[in-house]
N, C-alpha and C. Protein backbone atom coordinates (compact mmCIF):
# COMPACT_ATOMS: atom_id res chain seq x y z
N MET A 1 9.97 8.47 -13.59
CA MET A 1 9.52 8.75 -12.25
C MET A 1 8.89 7.48 -11.67
N CYS A 2 9.19 7.21 -10.43
CA CYS A 2 8.61 6.07 -9.73
C CYS A 2 7.60 6.57 -8.71
N LEU A 3 6.57 5.78 -8.48
CA LEU A 3 5.55 6.14 -7.52
C LEU A 3 5.20 4.91 -6.70
N SER A 4 5.24 5.06 -5.40
CA SER A 4 4.74 4.01 -4.52
C SER A 4 3.55 4.60 -3.77
N VAL A 5 2.59 3.75 -3.45
CA VAL A 5 1.39 4.23 -2.78
C VAL A 5 1.16 3.42 -1.52
N PRO A 6 0.60 4.05 -0.48
CA PRO A 6 0.33 3.32 0.75
C PRO A 6 -0.90 2.44 0.60
N GLY A 7 -0.85 1.29 1.22
CA GLY A 7 -1.99 0.38 1.25
C GLY A 7 -2.00 -0.40 2.54
N LYS A 8 -3.19 -0.88 2.91
CA LYS A 8 -3.35 -1.65 4.14
C LYS A 8 -3.39 -3.14 3.79
N VAL A 9 -2.57 -3.91 4.47
CA VAL A 9 -2.47 -5.35 4.21
C VAL A 9 -3.77 -6.03 4.64
N ILE A 10 -4.38 -6.76 3.71
CA ILE A 10 -5.61 -7.49 3.99
C ILE A 10 -5.30 -8.92 4.40
N GLU A 11 -4.49 -9.60 3.58
CA GLU A 11 -4.14 -10.99 3.89
C GLU A 11 -2.77 -11.32 3.32
N ILE A 12 -2.14 -12.31 3.95
CA ILE A 12 -0.82 -12.77 3.51
C ILE A 12 -0.85 -14.29 3.47
N ASP A 13 -0.32 -14.84 2.38
CA ASP A 13 -0.17 -16.29 2.24
C ASP A 13 1.24 -16.54 1.74
N GLY A 14 2.14 -16.87 2.68
CA GLY A 14 3.55 -17.03 2.31
C GLY A 14 4.16 -15.67 2.03
N THR A 15 4.70 -15.51 0.82
CA THR A 15 5.30 -14.22 0.45
C THR A 15 4.37 -13.38 -0.41
N LYS A 16 3.17 -13.86 -0.67
CA LYS A 16 2.20 -13.12 -1.51
C LYS A 16 0.99 -12.77 -0.66
N GLY A 17 0.20 -11.82 -1.13
CA GLY A 17 -1.00 -11.46 -0.41
C GLY A 17 -1.75 -10.34 -1.11
N THR A 18 -2.67 -9.76 -0.36
CA THR A 18 -3.54 -8.72 -0.90
C THR A 18 -3.44 -7.47 -0.04
N VAL A 19 -3.40 -6.32 -0.72
CA VAL A 19 -3.34 -5.02 -0.06
C VAL A 19 -4.48 -4.17 -0.60
N ASP A 20 -5.11 -3.43 0.31
CA ASP A 20 -6.15 -2.47 -0.09
C ASP A 20 -5.46 -1.13 -0.32
N VAL A 21 -5.51 -0.67 -1.56
CA VAL A 21 -4.94 0.63 -1.93
C VAL A 21 -6.09 1.52 -2.36
N ALA A 22 -6.52 2.42 -1.48
CA ALA A 22 -7.60 3.37 -1.77
C ALA A 22 -8.86 2.66 -2.27
N GLY A 23 -9.20 1.54 -1.64
CA GLY A 23 -10.41 0.83 -2.01
C GLY A 23 -10.25 -0.20 -3.12
N ASN A 24 -9.07 -0.31 -3.66
CA ASN A 24 -8.78 -1.30 -4.71
C ASN A 24 -7.87 -2.38 -4.13
N THR A 25 -8.18 -3.64 -4.42
CA THR A 25 -7.31 -4.71 -3.93
C THR A 25 -6.20 -4.96 -4.94
N VAL A 26 -5.00 -5.10 -4.41
CA VAL A 26 -3.80 -5.27 -5.24
C VAL A 26 -3.06 -6.50 -4.75
N GLU A 27 -2.81 -7.44 -5.67
CA GLU A 27 -1.97 -8.59 -5.33
C GLU A 27 -0.54 -8.08 -5.13
N THR A 28 0.06 -8.47 -4.03
CA THR A 28 1.33 -7.89 -3.63
C THR A 28 2.30 -8.96 -3.16
N ASP A 29 3.58 -8.76 -3.44
CA ASP A 29 4.64 -9.64 -2.99
C ASP A 29 5.28 -9.03 -1.74
N PHE A 30 5.41 -9.82 -0.68
CA PHE A 30 5.95 -9.34 0.60
C PHE A 30 7.37 -9.84 0.88
N THR A 31 8.08 -10.26 -0.15
CA THR A 31 9.44 -10.77 0.03
C THR A 31 10.34 -9.75 0.72
N VAL A 32 10.19 -8.47 0.38
CA VAL A 32 11.06 -7.42 0.92
C VAL A 32 10.62 -7.01 2.33
N THR A 33 9.37 -7.29 2.71
CA THR A 33 8.84 -6.90 4.01
C THR A 33 8.25 -8.13 4.72
N PRO A 34 9.08 -9.09 5.09
CA PRO A 34 8.58 -10.36 5.60
C PRO A 34 7.88 -10.29 6.96
N ASP A 35 8.07 -9.21 7.71
CA ASP A 35 7.51 -9.12 9.06
C ASP A 35 6.14 -8.45 9.13
N VAL A 36 5.61 -7.96 8.00
CA VAL A 36 4.31 -7.29 8.06
C VAL A 36 3.19 -8.30 8.31
N GLN A 37 2.11 -7.81 8.90
CA GLN A 37 0.96 -8.63 9.24
C GLN A 37 -0.30 -7.96 8.69
N PRO A 38 -1.39 -8.73 8.53
CA PRO A 38 -2.65 -8.10 8.14
C PRO A 38 -2.99 -6.96 9.09
N GLY A 39 -3.43 -5.85 8.51
CA GLY A 39 -3.73 -4.65 9.28
C GLY A 39 -2.62 -3.62 9.23
N ASP A 40 -1.39 -4.06 8.89
CA ASP A 40 -0.26 -3.12 8.77
C ASP A 40 -0.40 -2.33 7.48
N TRP A 41 0.24 -1.19 7.44
CA TRP A 41 0.32 -0.36 6.24
C TRP A 41 1.68 -0.55 5.60
N VAL A 42 1.70 -0.58 4.27
CA VAL A 42 2.95 -0.72 3.51
C VAL A 42 2.93 0.23 2.33
N LEU A 43 4.11 0.52 1.80
CA LEU A 43 4.22 1.22 0.52
C LEU A 43 4.32 0.16 -0.56
N VAL A 44 3.47 0.28 -1.59
CA VAL A 44 3.45 -0.69 -2.68
C VAL A 44 4.00 -0.03 -3.94
N HIS A 45 4.95 -0.70 -4.56
CA HIS A 45 5.54 -0.23 -5.81
C HIS A 45 5.71 -1.43 -6.74
N ALA A 46 5.12 -1.34 -7.91
CA ALA A 46 5.26 -2.38 -8.94
C ALA A 46 4.92 -3.77 -8.42
N GLY A 47 3.90 -3.84 -7.55
CA GLY A 47 3.45 -5.13 -7.04
C GLY A 47 4.21 -5.66 -5.85
N PHE A 48 5.14 -4.87 -5.31
CA PHE A 48 5.92 -5.28 -4.15
C PHE A 48 5.67 -4.33 -2.99
N ALA A 49 5.51 -4.88 -1.80
CA ALA A 49 5.49 -4.08 -0.58
C ALA A 49 6.95 -3.78 -0.27
N ILE A 50 7.35 -2.52 -0.44
CA ILE A 50 8.77 -2.19 -0.32
C ILE A 50 9.15 -1.65 1.05
N GLN A 51 8.14 -1.28 1.87
CA GLN A 51 8.45 -0.71 3.18
C GLN A 51 7.20 -0.71 4.03
N GLN A 52 7.36 -1.02 5.31
CA GLN A 52 6.23 -0.87 6.22
C GLN A 52 6.04 0.64 6.44
N TYR A 53 4.79 1.07 6.65
CA TYR A 53 4.47 2.49 6.66
C TYR A 53 3.59 2.82 7.85
N ASP A 54 3.78 3.97 8.45
CA ASP A 54 3.00 4.44 9.57
C ASP A 54 1.56 4.73 9.14
N ALA A 55 0.57 4.30 9.94
CA ALA A 55 -0.85 4.48 9.59
C ALA A 55 -1.23 5.95 9.41
N ASP A 56 -0.78 6.82 10.29
CA ASP A 56 -1.11 8.26 10.17
C ASP A 56 -0.50 8.85 8.91
N GLU A 57 0.72 8.48 8.62
CA GLU A 57 1.39 8.98 7.42
C GLU A 57 0.69 8.46 6.17
N ALA A 58 0.25 7.20 6.21
CA ALA A 58 -0.47 6.62 5.07
C ALA A 58 -1.76 7.38 4.79
N GLU A 59 -2.53 7.66 5.83
CA GLU A 59 -3.78 8.41 5.66
C GLU A 59 -3.51 9.80 5.10
N ALA A 60 -2.48 10.47 5.59
CA ALA A 60 -2.14 11.81 5.10
C ALA A 60 -1.71 11.76 3.63
N THR A 61 -0.94 10.74 3.27
CA THR A 61 -0.50 10.60 1.88
C THR A 61 -1.68 10.33 0.95
N LEU A 62 -2.59 9.44 1.36
CA LEU A 62 -3.77 9.16 0.54
C LEU A 62 -4.65 10.40 0.38
N ARG A 63 -4.80 11.16 1.45
CA ARG A 63 -5.57 12.41 1.39
C ARG A 63 -4.95 13.38 0.38
N MET A 64 -3.63 13.52 0.42
CA MET A 64 -2.93 14.41 -0.50
C MET A 64 -3.10 13.95 -1.95
N LEU A 65 -3.00 12.64 -2.18
CA LEU A 65 -3.16 12.11 -3.53
C LEU A 65 -4.58 12.35 -4.05
N ARG A 66 -5.57 12.15 -3.18
CA ARG A 66 -6.97 12.42 -3.60
C ARG A 66 -7.13 13.88 -4.00
N GLU A 67 -6.60 14.77 -3.20
CA GLU A 67 -6.70 16.20 -3.50
C GLU A 67 -5.96 16.56 -4.78
N ALA A 68 -4.80 15.96 -5.00
CA ALA A 68 -4.01 16.27 -6.19
C ALA A 68 -4.72 15.83 -7.46
N PHE A 69 -5.44 14.72 -7.40
CA PHE A 69 -6.08 14.19 -8.59
C PHE A 69 -7.57 14.53 -8.68
N GLU A 70 -8.07 15.29 -7.74
CA GLU A 70 -9.47 15.68 -7.73
C GLU A 70 -9.80 16.47 -9.00
N GLY A 71 -10.84 16.05 -9.68
CA GLY A 71 -11.26 16.76 -10.89
C GLY A 71 -10.46 16.48 -12.13
N THR A 72 -9.57 15.48 -12.10
CA THR A 72 -8.76 15.19 -13.29
C THR A 72 -9.36 14.08 -14.14
N GLU A 73 -10.52 13.58 -13.75
CA GLU A 73 -11.14 12.48 -14.51
C GLU A 73 -11.89 13.01 -15.70
């Protein structure tokens, strides 16, 4: 099973940069999504931003993930 998660782009330097995924910073490769800018939302999978993502959809997905994993710690 593969899982990608939404994150907000913090910074980009060339094809690499940082994404905030639920409060955690993740080093990310933007080779597949060269047009994204800081502030945009992307889906991150295995360290790659694989798709630009709608902000409302990202928030809804993060909310669902929090609810799904609530109490599993």
